[in-house]
Amino acid sequence: MDNLTVLTEFLLMDVAGFRELQVLQGVLFLVIYLGALTGNLVTVTVIMTDTHLHSPMYFFISNVAVIDLGSISVVVPRAVVNSKTSSKMISLEECAAQIFLFTFFAALEFALLVVMSYDHCGYLPPSTLWAHHHPESVLPGHG
């Protein structure tokens, strides 16, 4: 006979030991989450509705805002619920899904930022870019 234990849940550690601090932490996370949610949704809405902002850079910025919505929506709502209900358990599937989705959104945001920088700079070296935007600084006696 083998003694076999299968883990199906993880016990989460308390950041705040007192119930009042847990509620305060939950409210603080909720306020920050709602602020980030509102800011990203306003960014996407303004970029989509204003025709002057229909350029590639603003398209990329709206995509970064949507990816940011996804990355903050993976972890924060569960943290708020755990703070409010004093729940200290998370299932193995939920933990794996959070890790996968957060890593996915982080990698996607990193890749999109690389594409944005490539779109903005191309293959030009930084000194050429600086001279193009600030020609007075490459003149003798300036800079």
N, C-alpha and C. Protein backbone atom coordinates (compact mmCIF):
# COMPACT_ATOMS: atom_id res chain seq x y z
N MET A 1 0.82 -1.17 0.00
CA MET A 1 0.00 0.00 0.00
C MET A 1 0.88 1.25 0.00
N ASP A 2 0.58 2.12 -0.93
CA ASP A 2 1.29 3.38 -1.00
C ASP A 2 0.49 4.47 -0.29
N ASN A 3 1.21 5.33 0.38
CA ASN A 3 0.60 6.48 0.99
C ASN A 3 0.69 7.62 -0.02
N LEU A 4 -0.41 7.93 -0.66
CA LEU A 4 -0.43 8.91 -1.75
C LEU A 4 -1.37 10.05 -1.39
N THR A 5 -0.86 11.26 -1.48
CA THR A 5 -1.67 12.46 -1.23
C THR A 5 -1.73 13.26 -2.51
N VAL A 6 -2.94 13.60 -2.92
CA VAL A 6 -3.14 14.39 -4.13
C VAL A 6 -3.60 15.78 -3.72
N LEU A 7 -2.87 16.78 -4.18
CA LEU A 7 -3.23 18.16 -3.88
C LEU A 7 -4.25 18.66 -4.90
N THR A 8 -5.35 19.18 -4.39
CA THR A 8 -6.36 19.77 -5.29
C THR A 8 -6.59 21.23 -4.99
N GLU A 9 -6.07 21.72 -3.87
CA GLU A 9 -6.24 23.11 -3.48
C GLU A 9 -4.96 23.64 -2.85
N PHE A 10 -4.80 24.96 -2.92
CA PHE A 10 -3.69 25.63 -2.26
C PHE A 10 -4.23 26.52 -1.17
N LEU A 11 -3.49 26.63 -0.10
CA LEU A 11 -3.84 27.53 0.99
C LEU A 11 -3.09 28.84 0.76
N LEU A 12 -3.84 29.93 0.65
CA LEU A 12 -3.24 31.24 0.42
C LEU A 12 -2.88 31.88 1.75
N MET A 13 -1.75 32.55 1.78
CA MET A 13 -1.30 33.22 3.00
C MET A 13 -2.02 34.56 3.13
N ASP A 14 -2.28 34.95 4.37
CA ASP A 14 -2.89 36.25 4.63
C ASP A 14 -1.84 37.35 4.52
N VAL A 15 -2.16 38.39 3.79
CA VAL A 15 -1.30 39.56 3.78
C VAL A 15 -1.61 40.39 5.02
N ALA A 16 -2.88 40.49 5.31
CA ALA A 16 -3.33 41.24 6.49
C ALA A 16 -3.91 40.23 7.49
N GLY A 17 -3.43 40.27 8.71
CA GLY A 17 -3.85 39.30 9.70
C GLY A 17 -5.23 39.57 10.31
N PHE A 18 -5.65 40.81 10.35
CA PHE A 18 -6.92 41.16 10.96
C PHE A 18 -8.01 41.28 9.91
N ARG A 19 -9.22 40.98 10.30
CA ARG A 19 -10.37 41.03 9.38
C ARG A 19 -10.56 42.44 8.82
N GLU A 20 -10.39 43.47 9.65
CA GLU A 20 -10.56 44.85 9.19
C GLU A 20 -9.54 45.20 8.12
N LEU A 21 -8.32 44.73 8.29
CA LEU A 21 -7.29 45.00 7.28
C LEU A 21 -7.55 44.24 5.98
N GLN A 22 -8.13 43.04 6.09
CA GLN A 22 -8.49 42.28 4.90
C GLN A 22 -9.57 43.01 4.10
N VAL A 23 -10.56 43.56 4.80
CA VAL A 23 -11.62 44.32 4.12
C VAL A 23 -11.03 45.57 3.50
N LEU A 24 -10.16 46.26 4.22
CA LEU A 24 -9.51 47.46 3.68
C LEU A 24 -8.68 47.11 2.44
N GLN A 25 -7.96 46.00 2.51
CA GLN A 25 -7.17 45.54 1.36
C GLN A 25 -8.09 45.23 0.17
N GLY A 26 -9.21 44.57 0.42
CA GLY A 26 -10.16 44.26 -0.65
C GLY A 26 -10.73 45.52 -1.28
N VAL A 27 -11.09 46.49 -0.46
CA VAL A 27 -11.63 47.75 -0.98
C VAL A 27 -10.56 48.50 -1.76
N LEU A 28 -9.32 48.52 -1.26
CA LEU A 28 -8.24 49.19 -1.96
C LEU A 28 -7.98 48.54 -3.32
N PHE A 29 -7.92 47.21 -3.36
CA PHE A 29 -7.74 46.50 -4.63
C PHE A 29 -8.90 46.78 -5.59
N LEU A 30 -10.12 46.82 -5.05
CA LEU A 30 -11.29 47.08 -5.89
C LEU A 30 -11.24 48.48 -6.49
N VAL A 31 -10.87 49.46 -5.69
CA VAL A 31 -10.78 50.84 -6.19
C VAL A 31 -9.71 50.96 -7.26
N ILE A 32 -8.54 50.37 -7.02
CA ILE A 32 -7.46 50.42 -8.01
C ILE A 32 -7.88 49.68 -9.28
N TYR A 33 -8.53 48.53 -9.12
CA TYR A 33 -8.99 47.75 -10.28
C TYR A 33 -10.01 48.53 -11.10
N LEU A 34 -10.97 49.14 -10.43
CA LEU A 34 -11.98 49.92 -11.15
C LEU A 34 -11.37 51.13 -11.82
N GLY A 35 -10.39 51.76 -11.19
CA GLY A 35 -9.69 52.89 -11.83
C GLY A 35 -8.95 52.45 -13.07
N ALA A 36 -8.24 51.33 -13.00
CA ALA A 36 -7.51 50.83 -14.17
C ALA A 36 -8.48 50.39 -15.26
N LEU A 37 -9.57 49.76 -14.86
CA LEU A 37 -10.59 49.33 -15.82
C LEU A 37 -11.19 50.54 -16.53
N THR A 38 -11.55 51.56 -15.77
CA THR A 38 -12.12 52.77 -16.35
C THR A 38 -11.13 53.48 -17.28
N GLY A 39 -9.90 53.62 -16.82
CA GLY A 39 -8.89 54.28 -17.64
C GLY A 39 -8.64 53.57 -18.96
N ASN A 40 -8.53 52.25 -18.93
CA ASN A 40 -8.29 51.50 -20.15
C ASN A 40 -9.50 51.53 -21.08
N LEU A 41 -10.69 51.43 -20.51
CA LEU A 41 -11.90 51.49 -21.36
C LEU A 41 -12.06 52.87 -21.99
N VAL A 42 -11.77 53.93 -21.24
CA VAL A 42 -11.84 55.28 -21.80
C VAL A 42 -10.81 55.45 -22.90
N THR A 43 -9.61 54.92 -22.69
CA THR A 43 -8.57 55.00 -23.72
C THR A 43 -9.01 54.34 -25.01
N VAL A 44 -9.52 53.13 -24.90
CA VAL A 44 -9.98 52.41 -26.10
C VAL A 44 -11.14 53.13 -26.76
N THR A 45 -12.08 53.61 -25.96
CA THR A 45 -13.26 54.29 -26.51
C THR A 45 -12.87 55.58 -27.23
N VAL A 46 -12.00 56.37 -26.64
CA VAL A 46 -11.58 57.63 -27.27
C VAL A 46 -10.84 57.35 -28.58
N ILE A 47 -9.95 56.37 -28.57
CA ILE A 47 -9.19 56.06 -29.78
C ILE A 47 -10.10 55.54 -30.88
N MET A 48 -11.10 54.77 -30.53
CA MET A 48 -11.99 54.21 -31.56
C MET A 48 -12.98 55.24 -32.09
N THR A 49 -13.38 56.19 -31.27
CA THR A 49 -14.40 57.14 -31.72
C THR A 49 -13.83 58.37 -32.40
N ASP A 50 -12.62 58.78 -32.04
CA ASP A 50 -12.02 59.97 -32.64
C ASP A 50 -11.28 59.58 -33.91
N THR A 51 -11.71 60.09 -35.04
CA THR A 51 -11.09 59.73 -36.32
C THR A 51 -9.69 60.27 -36.48
N HIS A 52 -9.33 61.29 -35.71
CA HIS A 52 -7.97 61.83 -35.78
C HIS A 52 -6.95 60.88 -35.15
N LEU A 53 -7.43 59.93 -34.38
CA LEU A 53 -6.55 58.99 -33.68
C LEU A 53 -6.50 57.63 -34.38
N HIS A 54 -6.86 57.58 -35.63
CA HIS A 54 -6.83 56.31 -36.36
C HIS A 54 -5.51 56.15 -37.10
N SER A 55 -4.42 56.17 -36.34
CA SER A 55 -3.09 55.94 -36.90
C SER A 55 -2.53 54.67 -36.26
N PRO A 56 -1.48 54.10 -36.85
CA PRO A 56 -0.95 52.84 -36.30
C PRO A 56 -0.54 52.92 -34.83
N MET A 57 0.06 54.03 -34.41
CA MET A 57 0.51 54.12 -33.02
C MET A 57 -0.67 54.08 -32.05
N TYR A 58 -1.74 54.78 -32.36
CA TYR A 58 -2.91 54.76 -31.49
C TYR A 58 -3.62 53.41 -31.54
N PHE A 59 -3.56 52.74 -32.69
CA PHE A 59 -4.08 51.38 -32.78
C PHE A 59 -3.33 50.47 -31.81
N PHE A 60 -2.01 50.59 -31.78
CA PHE A 60 -1.21 49.79 -30.86
C PHE A 60 -1.49 50.15 -29.41
N ILE A 61 -1.68 51.44 -29.13
CA ILE A 61 -1.97 51.86 -27.76
C ILE A 61 -3.31 51.29 -27.29
N SER A 62 -4.30 51.27 -28.17
CA SER A 62 -5.59 50.68 -27.78
C SER A 62 -5.46 49.18 -27.55
N ASN A 63 -4.62 48.52 -28.34
CA ASN A 63 -4.40 47.09 -28.12
C ASN A 63 -3.68 46.84 -26.79
N VAL A 64 -2.74 47.68 -26.44
CA VAL A 64 -2.06 47.55 -25.14
C VAL A 64 -3.07 47.75 -24.01
N ALA A 65 -3.99 48.68 -24.18
CA ALA A 65 -5.02 48.91 -23.15
C ALA A 65 -5.91 47.68 -22.99
N VAL A 66 -6.28 47.04 -24.09
CA VAL A 66 -7.11 45.84 -24.02
C VAL A 66 -6.34 44.70 -23.36
N ILE A 67 -5.07 44.54 -23.71
CA ILE A 67 -4.25 43.50 -23.09
C ILE A 67 -4.08 43.78 -21.60
N ASP A 68 -3.93 45.05 -21.23
CA ASP A 68 -3.83 45.41 -19.82
C ASP A 68 -5.12 45.07 -19.08
N LEU A 69 -6.26 45.28 -19.73
CA LEU A 69 -7.54 44.88 -19.14
C LEU A 69 -7.53 43.38 -18.83
N GLY A 70 -7.04 42.61 -19.78
CA GLY A 70 -6.99 41.16 -19.56
C GLY A 70 -6.05 40.77 -18.44
N SER A 71 -4.88 41.39 -18.39
CA SER A 71 -3.91 40.99 -17.37
C SER A 71 -4.35 41.36 -15.96
N ILE A 72 -4.98 42.52 -15.79
CA ILE A 72 -5.44 42.87 -14.44
C ILE A 72 -6.71 42.12 -14.06
N SER A 73 -7.47 41.68 -15.06
CA SER A 73 -8.70 40.95 -14.77
C SER A 73 -8.45 39.47 -14.45
N VAL A 74 -7.22 39.03 -14.59
CA VAL A 74 -6.90 37.63 -14.28
C VAL A 74 -6.78 37.43 -12.77
N VAL A 75 -6.11 38.33 -12.09
CA VAL A 75 -5.75 38.11 -10.69
C VAL A 75 -6.58 38.95 -9.71
N VAL A 76 -6.80 40.21 -10.03
CA VAL A 76 -7.37 41.14 -9.05
C VAL A 76 -8.79 40.77 -8.61
N PRO A 77 -9.72 40.42 -9.50
CA PRO A 77 -11.06 40.09 -9.00
C PRO A 77 -11.07 38.94 -7.99
N ARG A 78 -10.25 37.93 -8.24
CA ARG A 78 -10.18 36.81 -7.28
C ARG A 78 -9.59 37.27 -5.95
N ALA A 79 -8.60 38.15 -6.00
CA ALA A 79 -8.02 38.68 -4.76
C ALA A 79 -9.04 39.49 -3.96
N VAL A 80 -9.87 40.26 -4.65
CA VAL A 80 -10.91 41.04 -3.98
C VAL A 80 -11.93 40.11 -3.33
N VAL A 81 -12.35 39.08 -4.06
CA VAL A 81 -13.32 38.12 -3.50
C VAL A 81 -12.73 37.41 -2.29
N ASN A 82 -11.47 37.00 -2.38
CA ASN A 82 -10.83 36.33 -1.25
C ASN A 82 -10.75 37.25 -0.04
N SER A 83 -10.50 38.54 -0.26
CA SER A 83 -10.43 39.49 0.85
C SER A 83 -11.79 39.69 1.51
N LYS A 84 -12.82 39.75 0.68
CA LYS A 84 -14.17 40.01 1.20
C LYS A 84 -14.76 38.80 1.92
N THR A 85 -14.46 37.60 1.44
CA THR A 85 -15.09 36.40 2.00
C THR A 85 -14.19 35.65 2.99
N SER A 86 -13.00 36.16 3.21
CA SER A 86 -12.02 35.50 4.08
C SER A 86 -11.68 34.10 3.59
N SER A 87 -11.84 33.87 2.33
CA SER A 87 -11.48 32.57 1.75
C SER A 87 -9.97 32.50 1.59
N LYS A 88 -9.41 31.37 1.97
CA LYS A 88 -7.96 31.20 1.88
C LYS A 88 -7.59 30.07 0.94
N MET A 89 -8.54 29.55 0.20
CA MET A 89 -8.27 28.40 -0.66
C MET A 89 -8.44 28.77 -2.13
N ILE A 90 -7.60 28.17 -2.96
CA ILE A 90 -7.72 28.30 -4.41
C ILE A 90 -7.46 26.91 -4.98
N SER A 91 -8.28 26.51 -5.93
CA SER A 91 -8.12 25.18 -6.50
C SER A 91 -6.91 25.15 -7.42
N LEU A 92 -6.43 23.95 -7.67
CA LEU A 92 -5.28 23.77 -8.53
C LEU A 92 -5.57 24.27 -9.94
N GLU A 93 -6.78 24.03 -10.44
CA GLU A 93 -7.15 24.48 -11.78
C GLU A 93 -7.20 26.00 -11.87
N GLU A 94 -7.76 26.65 -10.85
CA GLU A 94 -7.81 28.12 -10.84
C GLU A 94 -6.41 28.71 -10.79
N CYS A 95 -5.55 28.11 -9.99
CA CYS A 95 -4.18 28.61 -9.88
C CYS A 95 -3.44 28.44 -11.20
N ALA A 96 -3.59 27.29 -11.83
CA ALA A 96 -2.93 27.05 -13.12
C ALA A 96 -3.47 27.99 -14.19
N ALA A 97 -4.79 28.23 -14.18
CA ALA A 97 -5.38 29.15 -15.16
C ALA A 97 -4.87 30.57 -14.95
N GLN A 98 -4.77 31.01 -13.69
CA GLN A 98 -4.26 32.35 -13.41
C GLN A 98 -2.81 32.49 -13.86
N ILE A 99 -2.00 31.51 -13.57
CA ILE A 99 -0.59 31.57 -13.97
C ILE A 99 -0.47 31.59 -15.49
N PHE A 100 -1.21 30.70 -16.16
CA PHE A 100 -1.14 30.65 -17.62
C PHE A 100 -1.61 31.96 -18.24
N LEU A 101 -2.78 32.45 -17.82
CA LEU A 101 -3.34 33.66 -18.43
C LEU A 101 -2.50 34.89 -18.14
N PHE A 102 -2.00 35.01 -16.90
CA PHE A 102 -1.17 36.16 -16.60
C PHE A 102 0.12 36.14 -17.40
N THR A 103 0.74 34.98 -17.52
CA THR A 103 1.96 34.85 -18.34
C THR A 103 1.65 35.13 -19.80
N PHE A 104 0.52 34.65 -20.28
CA PHE A 104 0.11 34.89 -21.67
C PHE A 104 -0.06 36.38 -21.94
N PHE A 105 -0.79 37.07 -21.07
CA PHE A 105 -1.02 38.50 -21.28
C PHE A 105 0.27 39.30 -21.14
N ALA A 106 1.14 38.90 -20.22
CA ALA A 106 2.42 39.61 -20.06
C ALA A 106 3.28 39.43 -21.30
N ALA A 107 3.35 38.22 -21.83
CA ALA A 107 4.14 37.97 -23.05
C ALA A 107 3.54 38.70 -24.24
N LEU A 108 2.22 38.72 -24.33
CA LEU A 108 1.54 39.42 -25.42
C LEU A 108 1.80 40.92 -25.35
N GLU A 109 1.76 41.48 -24.15
CA GLU A 109 2.03 42.91 -24.00
C GLU A 109 3.48 43.23 -24.34
N PHE A 110 4.40 42.38 -23.91
CA PHE A 110 5.80 42.58 -24.24
C PHE A 110 6.02 42.53 -25.75
N ALA A 111 5.42 41.55 -26.41
CA ALA A 111 5.56 41.43 -27.86
C ALA A 111 4.97 42.64 -28.57
N LEU A 112 3.83 43.11 -28.10
CA LEU A 112 3.21 44.27 -28.73
C LEU A 112 4.05 45.54 -28.51
N LEU A 113 4.66 45.68 -27.35
CA LEU A 113 5.54 46.82 -27.11
C LEU A 113 6.78 46.77 -28.00
N VAL A 114 7.29 45.57 -28.26
CA VAL A 114 8.41 45.43 -29.19
C VAL A 114 7.99 45.84 -30.59
N VAL A 115 6.81 45.40 -31.02
CA VAL A 115 6.31 45.78 -32.34
C VAL A 115 6.09 47.28 -32.41
N MET A 116 5.58 47.89 -31.33
CA MET A 116 5.38 49.34 -31.31
C MET A 116 6.70 50.07 -31.45
N SER A 117 7.73 49.60 -30.76
CA SER A 117 9.01 50.28 -30.85
C SER A 117 9.62 50.10 -32.24
N TYR A 118 9.44 48.94 -32.82
CA TYR A 118 9.92 48.72 -34.18
C TYR A 118 9.17 49.62 -35.16
N ASP A 119 7.86 49.73 -34.98
CA ASP A 119 7.06 50.59 -35.85
C ASP A 119 7.47 52.04 -35.72
N HIS A 120 7.79 52.45 -34.52
CA HIS A 120 8.15 53.85 -34.28
C HIS A 120 9.57 54.16 -34.75
N CYS A 121 10.51 53.26 -34.50
CA CYS A 121 11.91 53.55 -34.77
C CYS A 121 12.45 52.93 -36.05
N GLY A 122 11.97 51.79 -36.41
CA GLY A 122 12.52 51.11 -37.57
C GLY A 122 13.95 50.68 -37.30
N TYR A 123 14.78 50.74 -38.29
CA TYR A 123 16.18 50.33 -38.14
C TYR A 123 17.11 51.50 -37.90
N LEU A 124 16.60 52.69 -37.73
CA LEU A 124 17.46 53.85 -37.54
C LEU A 124 18.14 53.81 -36.18
N PRO A 125 19.44 54.12 -36.13
CA PRO A 125 20.10 54.18 -34.82
C PRO A 125 19.58 55.37 -34.03
N PRO A 126 19.67 55.31 -32.70
CA PRO A 126 19.14 56.39 -31.86
C PRO A 126 19.74 57.76 -32.16
N SER A 127 21.01 57.83 -32.53
CA SER A 127 21.61 59.13 -32.81
C SER A 127 20.97 59.77 -34.03
N THR A 128 20.60 58.97 -35.03
CA THR A 128 19.94 59.50 -36.22
C THR A 128 18.55 60.01 -35.86
N LEU A 129 17.86 59.27 -35.01
CA LEU A 129 16.53 59.71 -34.59
C LEU A 129 16.61 61.02 -33.83
N TRP A 130 17.58 61.13 -32.93
CA TRP A 130 17.70 62.35 -32.15
C TRP A 130 18.04 63.53 -33.05
N ALA A 131 18.93 63.32 -34.02
CA ALA A 131 19.31 64.40 -34.94
C ALA A 131 18.14 64.80 -35.82
N HIS A 132 17.29 63.83 -36.16
CA HIS A 132 16.13 64.14 -37.01
C HIS A 132 15.12 65.01 -36.27
N HIS A 133 14.88 64.69 -35.00
CA HIS A 133 13.87 65.44 -34.23
C HIS A 133 14.42 66.71 -33.60
N HIS A 134 15.72 66.76 -33.36
CA HIS A 134 16.34 67.92 -32.72
C HIS A 134 17.61 68.31 -33.50
N PRO A 135 17.45 68.87 -34.69
CA PRO A 135 18.64 69.15 -35.50
C PRO A 135 19.56 70.19 -34.88
N GLU A 136 19.05 71.05 -34.01
CA GLU A 136 19.89 72.07 -33.41
C GLU A 136 20.91 71.46 -32.46
N SER A 137 20.63 70.26 -31.92
CA SER A 137 21.56 69.67 -30.96
C SER A 137 22.78 69.03 -31.60
N VAL A 138 22.76 68.82 -32.92
CA VAL A 138 23.94 68.24 -33.57
C VAL A 138 24.85 69.31 -34.17
N LEU A 139 24.43 70.56 -34.10
CA LEU A 139 25.28 71.64 -34.57
C LEU A 139 26.40 71.90 -33.58
N PRO A 140 27.57 72.34 -34.06
CA PRO A 140 28.66 72.63 -33.12
C PRO A 140 28.25 73.72 -32.13
N GLY A 141 28.58 73.50 -30.87
CA GLY A 141 28.27 74.50 -29.85
C GLY A 141 26.89 74.32 -29.25
N HIS A 142 26.10 73.35 -29.73
CA HIS A 142 24.78 73.11 -29.18
C HIS A 142 24.78 71.75 -28.50
N GLY A 143 23.82 71.54 -27.59
CA GLY A 143 23.66 70.22 -26.99
C GLY A 143 24.27 70.16 -25.72
